Amino acid sequence: MERLFFIVGALSAGTAVAAGAFGAHALKRRLAADLLAIFEVGVRYQLAHALALLAVAWACSRWPGAWATASGWCFLGGTLVFSGSLYALALSGQRWLGALTPLGGLALLVGWLLLATAAWRGA
């Protein structure tokens, strides 16, 4: 699992950098300021949780077990839902997509709790 989470984390970080550049250059003149800000929040959370996936990869090698693995899946799913819904909202203007964002945020919070539990329990 550690290799998978490391690869996904690295790819997600690279994608976040590309999305940030896309937002700053290609979308700056095409999106309203509020939608661009929403897009940028998605980028920020994607990048932060890409780094979290790298931490999970390390945790899986240090404290192998279900806690660390579950945290990785929560970070992955949470990032897809949280950042993905913000990207889709910003690019489409469909405000109802914002209703999905808190579900991704909840998964991210659970991921952090599970990662802390993995360290606390040491397995």
PDB file of N, CA and C in Angstrom:
ATOM      1  N   MET A   1       0.828  -1.206   0.000  1.00  0.00           N
ATOM      2  CA  MET A   1       0.000   0.000   0.000  1.00  0.00           C
ATOM      3  C   MET A   1       0.865   1.260   0.000  1.00  0.00           C
ATOM      4  N   GLU A   2       2.008   1.186   0.673  1.00  0.00           N
ATOM      5  CA  GLU A   2       2.826   2.397   0.772  1.00  0.00           C
ATOM      6  C   GLU A   2       3.260   2.901  -0.602  1.00  0.00           C
ATOM      7  N   ARG A   3       3.594   1.984  -1.500  1.00  0.00           N
ATOM      8  CA  ARG A   3       4.001   2.404  -2.845  1.00  0.00           C
ATOM      9  C   ARG A   3       2.825   3.033  -3.584  1.00  0.00           C
ATOM     10  N   LEU A   4       1.651   2.429  -3.477  1.00  0.00           N
ATOM     11  CA  LEU A   4       0.465   2.974  -4.139  1.00  0.00           C
ATOM     12  C   LEU A   4       0.163   4.386  -3.642  1.00  0.00           C
ATOM     13  N   PHE A   5       0.140   4.571  -2.319  1.00  0.00           N
ATOM     14  CA  PHE A   5      -0.174   5.894  -1.778  1.00  0.00           C
ATOM     15  C   PHE A   5       0.902   6.916  -2.149  1.00  0.00           C
ATOM     16  N   PHE A   6       2.166   6.482  -2.206  1.00  0.00           N
ATOM     17  CA  PHE A   6       3.221   7.406  -2.594  1.00  0.00           C
ATOM     18  C   PHE A   6       3.061   7.833  -4.048  1.00  0.00           C
ATOM     19  N   ILE A   7       2.792   6.870  -4.929  1.00  0.00           N
ATOM     20  CA  ILE A   7       2.610   7.181  -6.354  1.00  0.00           C
ATOM     21  C   ILE A   7       1.406   8.095  -6.553  1.00  0.00           C
ATOM     22  N   VAL A   8       0.282   7.758  -5.924  1.00  0.00           N
ATOM     23  CA  VAL A   8      -0.924   8.581  -6.066  1.00  0.00           C
ATOM     24  C   VAL A   8      -0.684   9.969  -5.487  1.00  0.00           C
ATOM     25  N   GLY A   9       0.000  10.056  -4.355  1.00  0.00           N
ATOM     26  CA  GLY A   9       0.306  11.353  -3.761  1.00  0.00           C
ATOM     27  C   GLY A   9       1.174  12.205  -4.664  1.00  0.00           C
ATOM     28  N   ALA A  10       2.206  11.598  -5.247  1.00  0.00           N
ATOM     29  CA  ALA A  10       3.090  12.342  -6.142  1.00  0.00           C
ATOM     30  C   ALA A  10       2.339  12.807  -7.391  1.00  0.00           C
ATOM     31  N   LEU A  11       1.521  11.923  -7.958  1.00  0.00           N
ATOM     32  CA  LEU A  11       0.745  12.304  -9.135  1.00  0.00           C
ATOM     33  C   LEU A  11      -0.285  13.383  -8.810  1.00  0.00           C
ATOM     34  N   SER A  12      -0.897  13.279  -7.649  1.00  0.00           N
ATOM     35  CA  SER A  12      -1.873  14.285  -7.236  1.00  0.00           C
ATOM     36  C   SER A  12      -1.201  15.636  -7.023  1.00  0.00           C
ATOM     37  N   ALA A  13      -0.006  15.640  -6.444  1.00  0.00           N
ATOM     38  CA  ALA A  13       0.720  16.901  -6.249  1.00  0.00           C
ATOM     39  C   ALA A  13       1.053  17.535  -7.598  1.00  0.00           C
ATOM     40  N   GLY A  14       1.518  16.725  -8.534  1.00  0.00           N
ATOM     41  CA  GLY A  14       1.819  17.251  -9.862  1.00  0.00           C
ATOM     42  C   GLY A  14       0.584  17.787 -10.560  1.00  0.00           C
ATOM     43  N   THR A  15      -0.523  17.078 -10.411  1.00  0.00           N
ATOM     44  CA  THR A  15      -1.784  17.524 -11.000  1.00  0.00           C
ATOM     45  C   THR A  15      -2.249  18.829 -10.364  1.00  0.00           C
ATOM     46  N   ALA A  16      -2.051  18.961  -9.051  1.00  0.00           N
ATOM     47  CA  ALA A  16      -2.439  20.196  -8.360  1.00  0.00           C
ATOM     48  C   ALA A  16      -1.621  21.380  -8.859  1.00  0.00           C
ATOM     49  N   VAL A  17      -0.330  21.164  -9.076  1.00  0.00           N
ATOM     50  CA  VAL A  17       0.512  22.246  -9.608  1.00  0.00           C
ATOM     51  C   VAL A  17       0.031  22.638 -11.004  1.00  0.00           C
ATOM     52  N   ALA A  18      -0.271  21.642 -11.828  1.00  0.00           N
ATOM     53  CA  ALA A  18      -0.776  21.938 -13.177  1.00  0.00           C
ATOM     54  C   ALA A  18      -2.119  22.661 -13.114  1.00  0.00           C
ATOM     55  N   ALA A  19      -2.998  22.217 -12.226  1.00  0.00           N
ATOM     56  CA  ALA A  19      -4.302  22.877 -12.083  1.00  0.00           C
ATOM     57  C   ALA A  19      -4.135  24.308 -11.593  1.00  0.00           C
ATOM     58  N   GLY A  20      -3.201  24.518 -10.674  1.00  0.00           N
ATOM     59  CA  GLY A  20      -2.946  25.872 -10.197  1.00  0.00           C
ATOM     60  C   GLY A  20      -2.456  26.788 -11.303  1.00  0.00           C
ATOM     61  N   ALA A  21      -1.556  26.278 -12.124  1.00  0.00           N
ATOM     62  CA  ALA A  21      -1.059  27.070 -13.253  1.00  0.00           C
ATOM     63  C   ALA A  21      -2.176  27.335 -14.263  1.00  0.00           C
ATOM     64  N   PHE A  22      -2.991  26.318 -14.515  1.00  0.00           N
ATOM     65  CA  PHE A  22      -4.132  26.467 -15.421  1.00  0.00           C
ATOM     66  C   PHE A  22      -5.076  27.546 -14.903  1.00  0.00           C
ATOM     67  N   GLY A  23      -5.361  27.501 -13.603  1.00  0.00           N
ATOM     68  CA  GLY A  23      -6.246  28.500 -13.019  1.00  0.00           C
ATOM     69  C   GLY A  23      -5.673  29.904 -13.095  1.00  0.00           C
ATOM     70  N   ALA A  24      -4.371  30.004 -12.792  1.00  0.00           N
ATOM     71  CA  ALA A  24      -3.740  31.325 -12.763  1.00  0.00           C
ATOM     72  C   ALA A  24      -3.594  31.936 -14.147  1.00  0.00           C
ATOM     73  N   HIS A  25      -3.443  31.105 -15.163  1.00  0.00           N
ATOM     74  CA  HIS A  25      -3.189  31.642 -16.498  1.00  0.00           C
ATOM     75  C   HIS A  25      -4.387  31.523 -17.441  1.00  0.00           C
ATOM     76  N   ALA A  26      -4.922  30.340 -17.588  1.00  0.00           N
ATOM     77  CA  ALA A  26      -5.989  30.129 -18.575  1.00  0.00           C
ATOM     78  C   ALA A  26      -7.359  30.554 -18.069  1.00  0.00           C
ATOM     79  N   LEU A  27      -7.598  30.395 -16.772  1.00  0.00           N
ATOM     80  CA  LEU A  27      -8.934  30.694 -16.248  1.00  0.00           C
ATOM     81  C   LEU A  27      -9.073  32.107 -15.702  1.00  0.00           C
ATOM     82  N   LYS A  28      -7.977  32.779 -15.471  1.00  0.00           N
ATOM     83  CA  LYS A  28      -8.009  34.097 -14.840  1.00  0.00           C
ATOM     84  C   LYS A  28      -8.936  35.077 -15.556  1.00  0.00           C
ATOM     85  N   ARG A  29      -8.948  35.036 -16.870  1.00  0.00           N
ATOM     86  CA  ARG A  29      -9.774  35.969 -17.645  1.00  0.00           C
ATOM     87  C   ARG A  29     -11.124  35.374 -18.030  1.00  0.00           C
ATOM     88  N   ARG A  30     -11.306  34.092 -17.778  1.00  0.00           N
ATOM     89  CA  ARG A  30     -12.536  33.424 -18.224  1.00  0.00           C
ATOM     90  C   ARG A  30     -13.543  33.176 -17.122  1.00  0.00           C
ATOM     91  N   LEU A  31     -13.086  33.170 -15.878  1.00  0.00           N
ATOM     92  CA  LEU A  31     -13.994  32.898 -14.761  1.00  0.00           C
ATOM     93  C   LEU A  31     -14.217  34.154 -13.947  1.00  0.00           C
ATOM     94  N   ALA A  32     -15.400  34.266 -13.383  1.00  0.00           N
ATOM     95  CA  ALA A  32     -15.665  35.340 -12.429  1.00  0.00           C
ATOM     96  C   ALA A  32     -14.748  35.146 -11.220  1.00  0.00           C
ATOM     97  N   ALA A  33     -14.459  36.215 -10.526  1.00  0.00           N
ATOM     98  CA  ALA A  33     -13.519  36.160  -9.396  1.00  0.00           C
ATOM     99  C   ALA A  33     -13.939  35.150  -8.336  1.00  0.00           C
ATOM    100  N   ASP A  34     -15.241  35.053  -8.060  1.00  0.00           N
ATOM    101  CA  ASP A  34     -15.694  34.103  -7.033  1.00  0.00           C
ATOM    102  C   ASP A  34     -15.476  32.661  -7.476  1.00  0.00           C
ATOM    103  N   LEU A  35     -15.682  32.375  -8.748  1.00  0.00           N
ATOM    104  CA  LEU A  35     -15.472  31.010  -9.255  1.00  0.00           C
ATOM    105  C   LEU A  35     -13.986  30.672  -9.309  1.00  0.00           C
ATOM    106  N   LEU A  36     -13.157  31.641  -9.646  1.00  0.00           N
ATOM    107  CA  LEU A  36     -11.714  31.415  -9.649  1.00  0.00           C
ATOM    108  C   LEU A  36     -11.215  31.135  -8.232  1.00  0.00           C
ATOM    109  N   ALA A  37     -11.764  31.843  -7.260  1.00  0.00           N
ATOM    110  CA  ALA A  37     -11.392  31.601  -5.864  1.00  0.00           C
ATOM    111  C   ALA A  37     -11.794  30.188  -5.429  1.00  0.00           C
ATOM    112  N   ILE A  38     -12.946  29.733  -5.873  1.00  0.00           N
ATOM    113  CA  ILE A  38     -13.395  28.365  -5.566  1.00  0.00           C
ATOM    114  C   ILE A  38     -12.433  27.356  -6.179  1.00  0.00           C
ATOM    115  N   PHE A  39     -12.044  27.582  -7.423  1.00  0.00           N
ATOM    116  CA  PHE A  39     -11.090  26.703  -8.090  1.00  0.00           C
ATOM    117  C   PHE A  39      -9.778  26.644  -7.298  1.00  0.00           C
ATOM    118  N   GLU A  40      -9.311  27.797  -6.838  1.00  0.00           N
ATOM    119  CA  GLU A  40      -8.050  27.867  -6.097  1.00  0.00           C
ATOM    120  C   GLU A  40      -8.128  27.135  -4.758  1.00  0.00           C
ATOM    121  N   VAL A  41      -9.279  27.137  -4.118  1.00  0.00           N
ATOM    122  CA  VAL A  41      -9.444  26.354  -2.881  1.00  0.00           C
ATOM    123  C   VAL A  41      -9.289  24.870  -3.193  1.00  0.00           C
ATOM    124  N   GLY A  42      -9.866  24.428  -4.299  1.00  0.00           N
ATOM    125  CA  GLY A  42      -9.701  23.031  -4.707  1.00  0.00           C
ATOM    126  C   GLY A  42      -8.242  22.671  -4.910  1.00  0.00           C
ATOM    127  N   VAL A  43      -7.494  23.553  -5.563  1.00  0.00           N
ATOM    128  CA  VAL A  43      -6.065  23.325  -5.786  1.00  0.00           C
ATOM    129  C   VAL A  43      -5.328  23.239  -4.461  1.00  0.00           C
ATOM    130  N   ARG A  44      -5.603  24.165  -3.562  1.00  0.00           N
ATOM    131  CA  ARG A  44      -4.911  24.209  -2.261  1.00  0.00           C
ATOM    132  C   ARG A  44      -5.141  22.930  -1.471  1.00  0.00           C
ATOM    133  N   TYR A  45      -6.379  22.477  -1.411  1.00  0.00           N
ATOM    134  CA  TYR A  45      -6.678  21.257  -0.657  1.00  0.00           C
ATOM    135  C   TYR A  45      -6.123  20.018  -1.354  1.00  0.00           C
ATOM    136  N   GLN A  46      -6.134  20.005  -2.676  1.00  0.00           N
ATOM    137  CA  GLN A  46      -5.557  18.865  -3.384  1.00  0.00           C
ATOM    138  C   GLN A  46      -4.069  18.766  -3.091  1.00  0.00           C
ATOM    139  N   LEU A  47      -3.366  19.884  -3.147  1.00  0.00           N
ATOM    140  CA  LEU A  47      -1.931  19.858  -2.901  1.00  0.00           C
ATOM    141  C   LEU A  47      -1.614  19.445  -1.470  1.00  0.00           C
ATOM    142  N   ALA A  48      -2.354  19.983  -0.510  1.00  0.00           N
ATOM    143  CA  ALA A  48      -2.121  19.626   0.892  1.00  0.00           C
ATOM    144  C   ALA A  48      -2.341  18.134   1.125  1.00  0.00           C
ATOM    145  N   HIS A  49      -3.370  17.592   0.511  1.00  0.00           N
ATOM    146  CA  HIS A  49      -3.686  16.186   0.755  1.00  0.00           C
ATOM    147  C   HIS A  49      -2.891  15.237  -0.137  1.00  0.00           C
ATOM    148  N   ALA A  50      -2.275  15.762  -1.183  1.00  0.00           N
ATOM    149  CA  ALA A  50      -1.276  14.975  -1.911  1.00  0.00           C
ATOM    150  C   ALA A  50      -0.086  14.730  -0.991  1.00  0.00           C
ATOM    151  N   LEU A  51       0.311  15.770  -0.261  1.00  0.00           N
ATOM    152  CA  LEU A  51       1.402  15.612   0.714  1.00  0.00           C
ATOM    153  C   LEU A  51       0.985  14.680   1.848  1.00  0.00           C
ATOM    154  N   ALA A  52      -0.291  14.744   2.217  1.00  0.00           N
ATOM    155  CA  ALA A  52      -0.796  13.825   3.244  1.00  0.00           C
ATOM    156  C   ALA A  52      -0.679  12.383   2.769  1.00  0.00           C
ATOM    157  N   LEU A  53      -0.920  12.140   1.493  1.00  0.00           N
ATOM    158  CA  LEU A  53      -0.773  10.785   0.960  1.00  0.00           C
ATOM    159  C   LEU A  53       0.686  10.321   1.020  1.00  0.00           C
ATOM    160  N   LEU A  54       1.616  11.232   0.826  1.00  0.00           N
ATOM    161  CA  LEU A  54       3.028  10.869   0.982  1.00  0.00           C
ATOM    162  C   LEU A  54       3.310  10.499   2.440  1.00  0.00           C
ATOM    163  N   ALA A  55       2.707  11.225   3.367  1.00  0.00           N
ATOM    164  CA  ALA A  55       2.854  10.897   4.788  1.00  0.00           C
ATOM    165  C   ALA A  55       2.229   9.542   5.099  1.00  0.00           C
ATOM    166  N   VAL A  56       1.110   9.250   4.478  1.00  0.00           N
ATOM    167  CA  VAL A  56       0.461   7.950   4.677  1.00  0.00           C
ATOM    168  C   VAL A  56       1.353   6.829   4.160  1.00  0.00           C
ATOM    169  N   ALA A  57       1.999   7.048   3.025  1.00  0.00           N
ATOM    170  CA  ALA A  57       2.910   6.034   2.490  1.00  0.00           C
ATOM    171  C   ALA A  57       4.004   5.729   3.517  1.00  0.00           C
ATOM    172  N   TRP A  58       4.549   6.770   4.120  1.00  0.00           N
ATOM    173  CA  TRP A  58       5.561   6.574   5.163  1.00  0.00           C
ATOM    174  C   TRP A  58       4.949   5.865   6.366  1.00  0.00           C
ATOM    175  N   ALA A  59       3.750   6.284   6.781  1.00  0.00           N
ATOM    176  CA  ALA A  59       3.093   5.679   7.944  1.00  0.00           C
ATOM    177  C   ALA A  59       2.805   4.194   7.706  1.00  0.00           C
ATOM    178  N   CYS A  60       2.451   3.850   6.479  1.00  0.00           N
ATOM    179  CA  CYS A  60       2.184   2.444   6.167  1.00  0.00           C
ATOM    180  C   CYS A  60       3.433   1.589   6.332  1.00  0.00           C
ATOM    181  N   SER A  61       4.591   2.172   6.079  1.00  0.00           N
ATOM    182  CA  SER A  61       5.825   1.413   6.266  1.00  0.00           C
ATOM    183  C   SER A  61       6.250   1.403   7.733  1.00  0.00           C
ATOM    184  N   ARG A  62       5.932   2.461   8.450  1.00  0.00           N
ATOM    185  CA  ARG A  62       6.316   2.581   9.868  1.00  0.00           C
ATOM    186  C   ARG A  62       5.352   1.850  10.780  1.00  0.00           C
ATOM    187  N   TRP A  63       4.069   2.009  10.527  1.00  0.00           N
ATOM    188  CA  TRP A  63       3.012   1.385  11.338  1.00  0.00           C
ATOM    189  C   TRP A  63       2.034   0.664  10.421  1.00  0.00           C
ATOM    190  N   PRO A  64       2.441  -0.426   9.817  1.00  0.00           N
ATOM    191  CA  PRO A  64       1.540  -1.107   8.884  1.00  0.00           C
ATOM    192  C   PRO A  64       0.267  -1.574   9.577  1.00  0.00           C
ATOM    193  N   GLY A  65      -0.799  -1.475   8.856  1.00  0.00           N
ATOM    194  CA  GLY A  65      -2.079  -1.926   9.405  1.00  0.00           C
ATOM    195  C   GLY A  65      -3.236  -1.165   8.814  1.00  0.00           C
ATOM    196  N   ALA A  66      -4.398  -1.493   9.323  1.00  0.00           N
ATOM    197  CA  ALA A  66      -5.639  -0.962   8.768  1.00  0.00           C
ATOM    198  C   ALA A  66      -5.805   0.533   8.998  1.00  0.00           C
ATOM    199  N   TRP A  67      -5.298   1.057  10.113  1.00  0.00           N
ATOM    200  CA  TRP A  67      -5.518   2.479  10.418  1.00  0.00           C
ATOM    201  C   TRP A  67      -4.859   3.374   9.369  1.00  0.00           C
ATOM    202  N   ALA A  68      -3.595   3.128   9.098  1.00  0.00           N
ATOM    203  CA  ALA A  68      -2.871   3.954   8.127  1.00  0.00           C
ATOM    204  C   ALA A  68      -3.458   3.765   6.727  1.00  0.00           C
ATOM    205  N   THR A  69      -3.763   2.523   6.370  1.00  0.00           N
ATOM    206  CA  THR A  69      -4.331   2.254   5.055  1.00  0.00           C
ATOM    207  C   THR A  69      -5.675   2.953   4.889  1.00  0.00           C
ATOM    208  N   ALA A  70      -6.511   2.878   5.896  1.00  0.00           N
ATOM    209  CA  ALA A  70      -7.824   3.533   5.822  1.00  0.00           C
ATOM    210  C   ALA A  70      -7.668   5.053   5.696  1.00  0.00           C
ATOM    211  N   SER A  71      -6.665   5.615   6.374  1.00  0.00           N
ATOM    212  CA  SER A  71      -6.460   7.059   6.258  1.00  0.00           C
ATOM    213  C   SER A  71      -6.110   7.429   4.824  1.00  0.00           C
ATOM    214  N   GLY A  72      -5.288   6.609   4.176  1.00  0.00           N
ATOM    215  CA  GLY A  72      -4.938   6.875   2.781  1.00  0.00           C
ATOM    216  C   GLY A  72      -6.139   6.858   1.863  1.00  0.00           C
ATOM    217  N   TRP A  73      -7.005   5.879   2.058  1.00  0.00           N
ATOM    218  CA  TRP A  73      -8.213   5.813   1.218  1.00  0.00           C
ATOM    219  C   TRP A  73      -9.125   6.998   1.482  1.00  0.00           C
ATOM    220  N   CYS A  74      -9.193   7.446   2.744  1.00  0.00           N
ATOM    221  CA  CYS A  74     -10.015   8.634   3.053  1.00  0.00           C
ATOM    222  C   CYS A  74      -9.431   9.882   2.396  1.00  0.00           C
ATOM    223  N   PHE A  75      -8.103  10.016   2.433  1.00  0.00           N
ATOM    224  CA  PHE A  75      -7.480  11.168   1.774  1.00  0.00           C
ATOM    225  C   PHE A  75      -7.713  11.129   0.264  1.00  0.00           C
ATOM    226  N   LEU A  76      -7.588   9.963  -0.316  1.00  0.00           N
ATOM    227  CA  LEU A  76      -7.780   9.841  -1.757  1.00  0.00           C
ATOM    228  C   LEU A  76      -9.228  10.155  -2.143  1.00  0.00           C
ATOM    229  N   GLY A  77     -10.168   9.488  -1.496  1.00  0.00           N
ATOM    230  CA  GLY A  77     -11.578   9.729  -1.797  1.00  0.00           C
ATOM    231  C   GLY A  77     -12.004  11.142  -1.448  1.00  0.00           C
ATOM    232  N   GLY A  78     -11.542  11.628  -0.313  1.00  0.00           N
ATOM    233  CA  GLY A  78     -11.893  12.981   0.110  1.00  0.00           C
ATOM    234  C   GLY A  78     -11.384  14.034  -0.853  1.00  0.00           C
ATOM    235  N   THR A  79     -10.172  13.847  -1.347  1.00  0.00           N
ATOM    236  CA  THR A  79      -9.618  14.790  -2.321  1.00  0.00           C
ATOM    237  C   THR A  79     -10.414  14.766  -3.618  1.00  0.00           C
ATOM    238  N   LEU A  80     -10.735  13.568  -4.072  1.00  0.00           N
ATOM    239  CA  LEU A  80     -11.520  13.468  -5.311  1.00  0.00           C
ATOM    240  C   LEU A  80     -12.861  14.177  -5.181  1.00  0.00           C
ATOM    241  N   VAL A  81     -13.540  13.971  -4.050  1.00  0.00           N
ATOM    242  CA  VAL A  81     -14.860  14.575  -3.873  1.00  0.00           C
ATOM    243  C   VAL A  81     -14.748  16.061  -3.556  1.00  0.00           C
ATOM    244  N   PHE A  82     -13.862  16.429  -2.613  1.00  0.00           N
ATOM    245  CA  PHE A  82     -13.743  17.826  -2.201  1.00  0.00           C
ATOM    246  C   PHE A  82     -13.234  18.690  -3.349  1.00  0.00           C
ATOM    247  N   SER A  83     -12.017  18.405  -3.794  1.00  0.00           N
ATOM    248  CA  SER A  83     -11.438  19.233  -4.855  1.00  0.00           C
ATOM    249  C   SER A  83     -12.175  19.040  -6.173  1.00  0.00           C
ATOM    250  N   GLY A  84     -12.555  17.807  -6.463  1.00  0.00           N
ATOM    251  CA  GLY A  84     -13.276  17.547  -7.710  1.00  0.00           C
ATOM    252  C   GLY A  84     -14.578  18.321  -7.811  1.00  0.00           C
ATOM    253  N   SER A  85     -15.329  18.368  -6.710  1.00  0.00           N
ATOM    254  CA  SER A  85     -16.592  19.110  -6.743  1.00  0.00           C
ATOM    255  C   SER A  85     -16.352  20.612  -6.890  1.00  0.00           C
ATOM    256  N   LEU A  86     -15.276  21.116  -6.286  1.00  0.00           N
ATOM    257  CA  LEU A  86     -14.963  22.541  -6.433  1.00  0.00           C
ATOM    258  C   LEU A  86     -14.512  22.865  -7.849  1.00  0.00           C
ATOM    259  N   TYR A  87     -13.693  21.988  -8.437  1.00  0.00           N
ATOM    260  CA  TYR A  87     -13.283  22.200  -9.833  1.00  0.00           C
ATOM    261  C   TYR A  87     -14.514  22.199 -10.750  1.00  0.00           C
ATOM    262  N   ALA A  88     -15.368  21.209 -10.561  1.00  0.00           N
ATOM    263  CA  ALA A  88     -16.557  21.095 -11.411  1.00  0.00           C
ATOM    264  C   ALA A  88     -17.476  22.298 -11.224  1.00  0.00           C
ATOM    265  N   LEU A  89     -17.643  22.744  -9.986  1.00  0.00           N
ATOM    266  CA  LEU A  89     -18.475  23.922  -9.718  1.00  0.00           C
ATOM    267  C   LEU A  89     -17.895  25.150 -10.413  1.00  0.00           C
ATOM    268  N   ALA A  90     -16.586  25.359 -10.247  1.00  0.00           N
ATOM    269  CA  ALA A  90     -15.960  26.546 -10.829  1.00  0.00           C
ATOM    270  C   ALA A  90     -16.036  26.537 -12.353  1.00  0.00           C
ATOM    271  N   LEU A  91     -15.823  25.385 -12.949  1.00  0.00           N
ATOM    272  CA  LEU A  91     -15.787  25.318 -14.416  1.00  0.00           C
ATOM    273  C   LEU A  91     -17.175  25.304 -15.055  1.00  0.00           C
ATOM    274  N   SER A  92     -18.160  24.766 -14.310  1.00  0.00           N
ATOM    275  CA  SER A  92     -19.505  24.666 -14.886  1.00  0.00           C
ATOM    276  C   SER A  92     -20.449  25.761 -14.391  1.00  0.00           C
ATOM    277  N   GLY A  93     -20.152  26.324 -13.246  1.00  0.00           N
ATOM    278  CA  GLY A  93     -21.059  27.298 -12.647  1.00  0.00           C
ATOM    279  C   GLY A  93     -22.263  26.673 -11.976  1.00  0.00           C
ATOM    280  N   GLN A  94     -22.318  25.356 -11.930  1.00  0.00           N
ATOM    281  CA  GLN A  94     -23.433  24.640 -11.308  1.00  0.00           C
ATOM    282  C   GLN A  94     -23.255  24.636  -9.792  1.00  0.00           C
ATOM    283  N   ARG A  95     -23.932  25.523  -9.117  1.00  0.00           N
ATOM    284  CA  ARG A  95     -23.754  25.710  -7.675  1.00  0.00           C
ATOM    285  C   ARG A  95     -24.148  24.496  -6.846  1.00  0.00           C
ATOM    286  N   TRP A  96     -25.032  23.643  -7.346  1.00  0.00           N
ATOM    287  CA  TRP A  96     -25.463  22.467  -6.585  1.00  0.00           C
ATOM    288  C   TRP A  96     -24.290  21.526  -6.314  1.00  0.00           C
ATOM    289  N   LEU A  97     -23.239  21.609  -7.117  1.00  0.00           N
ATOM    290  CA  LEU A  97     -22.070  20.750  -6.892  1.00  0.00           C
ATOM    291  C   LEU A  97     -21.395  21.060  -5.556  1.00  0.00           C
ATOM    292  N   GLY A  98     -21.602  22.265  -5.059  1.00  0.00           N
ATOM    293  CA  GLY A  98     -21.057  22.633  -3.758  1.00  0.00           C
ATOM    294  C   GLY A  98     -21.629  21.808  -2.618  1.00  0.00           C
ATOM    295  N   ALA A  99     -22.780  21.175  -2.838  1.00  0.00           N
ATOM    296  CA  ALA A  99     -23.369  20.323  -1.801  1.00  0.00           C
ATOM    297  C   ALA A  99     -22.545  19.059  -1.587  1.00  0.00           C
ATOM    298  N   LEU A 100     -21.744  18.670  -2.566  1.00  0.00           N
ATOM    299  CA  LEU A 100     -20.901  17.482  -2.431  1.00  0.00           C
ATOM    300  C   LEU A 100     -19.618  17.769  -1.648  1.00  0.00           C
ATOM    301  N   THR A 101     -19.178  19.001  -1.680  1.00  0.00           N
ATOM    302  CA  THR A 101     -17.891  19.378  -1.092  1.00  0.00           C
ATOM    303  C   THR A 101     -17.765  18.992   0.382  1.00  0.00           C
ATOM    304  N   PRO A 102     -18.762  19.235   1.233  1.00  0.00           N
ATOM    305  CA  PRO A 102     -18.613  18.858   2.645  1.00  0.00           C
ATOM    306  C   PRO A 102     -18.415  17.356   2.852  1.00  0.00           C
ATOM    307  N   LEU A 103     -18.945  16.530   1.959  1.00  0.00           N
ATOM    308  CA  LEU A 103     -18.726  15.084   2.080  1.00  0.00           C
ATOM    309  C   LEU A 103     -17.247  14.760   1.898  1.00  0.00           C
ATOM    310  N   GLY A 104     -16.621  15.410   0.930  1.00  0.00           N
ATOM    311  CA  GLY A 104     -15.185  15.243   0.750  1.00  0.00           C
ATOM    312  C   GLY A 104     -14.409  15.770   1.934  1.00  0.00           C
ATOM    313  N   GLY A 105     -14.843  16.906   2.465  1.00  0.00           N
ATOM    314  CA  GLY A 105     -14.193  17.471   3.646  1.00  0.00           C
ATOM    315  C   GLY A 105     -14.281  16.553   4.843  1.00  0.00           C
ATOM    316  N   LEU A 106     -15.420  15.911   5.007  1.00  0.00           N
ATOM    317  CA  LEU A 106     -15.585  14.955   6.105  1.00  0.00           C
ATOM    318  C   LEU A 106     -14.619  13.784   5.937  1.00  0.00           C
ATOM    319  N   ALA A 107     -14.484  13.284   4.715  1.00  0.00           N
ATOM    320  CA  ALA A 107     -13.544  12.186   4.468  1.00  0.00           C
ATOM    321  C   ALA A 107     -12.109  12.616   4.773  1.00  0.00           C
ATOM    322  N   LEU A 108     -11.761  13.859   4.453  1.00  0.00           N
ATOM    323  CA  LEU A 108     -10.422  14.356   4.769  1.00  0.00           C
ATOM    324  C   LEU A 108     -10.206  14.423   6.280  1.00  0.00           C
ATOM    325  N   LEU A 109     -11.199  14.915   7.001  1.00  0.00           N
ATOM    326  CA  LEU A 109     -11.095  14.957   8.468  1.00  0.00           C
ATOM    327  C   LEU A 109     -10.937  13.562   9.060  1.00  0.00           C
ATOM    328  N   VAL A 110     -11.711  12.624   8.569  1.00  0.00           N
ATOM    329  CA  VAL A 110     -11.613  11.243   9.046  1.00  0.00           C
ATOM    330  C   VAL A 110     -10.229  10.689   8.729  1.00  0.00           C
ATOM    331  N   GLY A 111      -9.705  11.020   7.562  1.00  0.00           N
ATOM    332  CA  GLY A 111      -8.359  10.581   7.199  1.00  0.00           C
ATOM    333  C   GLY A 111      -7.318  11.047   8.189  1.00  0.00           C
ATOM    334  N   TRP A 112      -7.413  12.300   8.629  1.00  0.00           N
ATOM    335  CA  TRP A 112      -6.454  12.810   9.616  1.00  0.00           C
ATOM    336  C   TRP A 112      -6.614  12.103  10.953  1.00  0.00           C
ATOM    337  N   LEU A 113      -7.840  11.846  11.357  1.00  0.00           N
ATOM    338  CA  LEU A 113      -8.067  11.119  12.617  1.00  0.00           C
ATOM    339  C   LEU A 113      -7.525   9.692  12.543  1.00  0.00           C
ATOM    340  N   LEU A 114      -7.726   9.047  11.413  1.00  0.00           N
ATOM    341  CA  LEU A 114      -7.214   7.684  11.238  1.00  0.00           C
ATOM    342  C   LEU A 114      -5.688   7.663  11.215  1.00  0.00           C
ATOM    343  N   LEU A 115      -5.082   8.658  10.601  1.00  0.00           N
ATOM    344  CA  LEU A 115      -3.622   8.730  10.573  1.00  0.00           C
ATOM    345  C   LEU A 115      -3.069   8.944  11.980  1.00  0.00           C
ATOM    346  N   ALA A 116      -3.722   9.799  12.750  1.00  0.00           N
ATOM    347  CA  ALA A 116      -3.310  10.001  14.142  1.00  0.00           C
ATOM    348  C   ALA A 116      -3.486   8.719  14.941  1.00  0.00           C
ATOM    349  N   THR A 117      -4.562   7.990  14.695  1.00  0.00           N
ATOM    350  CA  THR A 117      -4.791   6.731  15.383  1.00  0.00           C
ATOM    351  C   THR A 117      -3.720   5.714  15.027  1.00  0.00           C
ATOM    352  N   ALA A 118      -3.322   5.672  13.767  1.00  0.00           N
ATOM    353  CA  ALA A 118      -2.254   4.755  13.347  1.00  0.00           C
ATOM    354  C   ALA A 118      -0.975   5.033  14.119  1.00  0.00           C
ATOM    355  N   ALA A 119      -0.644   6.306  14.273  1.00  0.00           N
ATOM    356  CA  ALA A 119       0.562   6.661  15.017  1.00  0.00           C
ATOM    357  C   ALA A 119       0.400   6.353  16.504  1.00  0.00           C
ATOM    358  N   TRP A 120      -0.763   6.647  17.051  1.00  0.00           N
ATOM    359  CA  TRP A 120      -1.018   6.429  18.467  1.00  0.00           C
ATOM    360  C   TRP A 120      -0.921   4.949  18.832  1.00  0.00           C
ATOM    361  N   ARG A 121      -1.549   4.125  18.000  1.00  0.00           N
ATOM    362  CA  ARG A 121      -1.584   2.689  18.274  1.00  0.00           C
ATOM    363  C   ARG A 121      -0.297   1.978  17.833  1.00  0.00           C
ATOM    364  N   GLY A 122       0.405   2.605  16.919  1.00  0.00           N
ATOM    365  CA  GLY A 122       1.652   2.009  16.463  1.00  0.00           C
ATOM    366  C   GLY A 122       1.451   0.775  15.593  1.00  0.00           C
ATOM    367  N   ALA A 123       0.247   0.596  15.075  1.00  0.00           N
ATOM    368  CA  ALA A 123      -0.012  -0.548  14.184  1.00  0.00           C
ATOM    369  C   ALA A 123      -1.239  -0.261  13.352  1.00  0.00           C
TER     370      ALA A 123
END
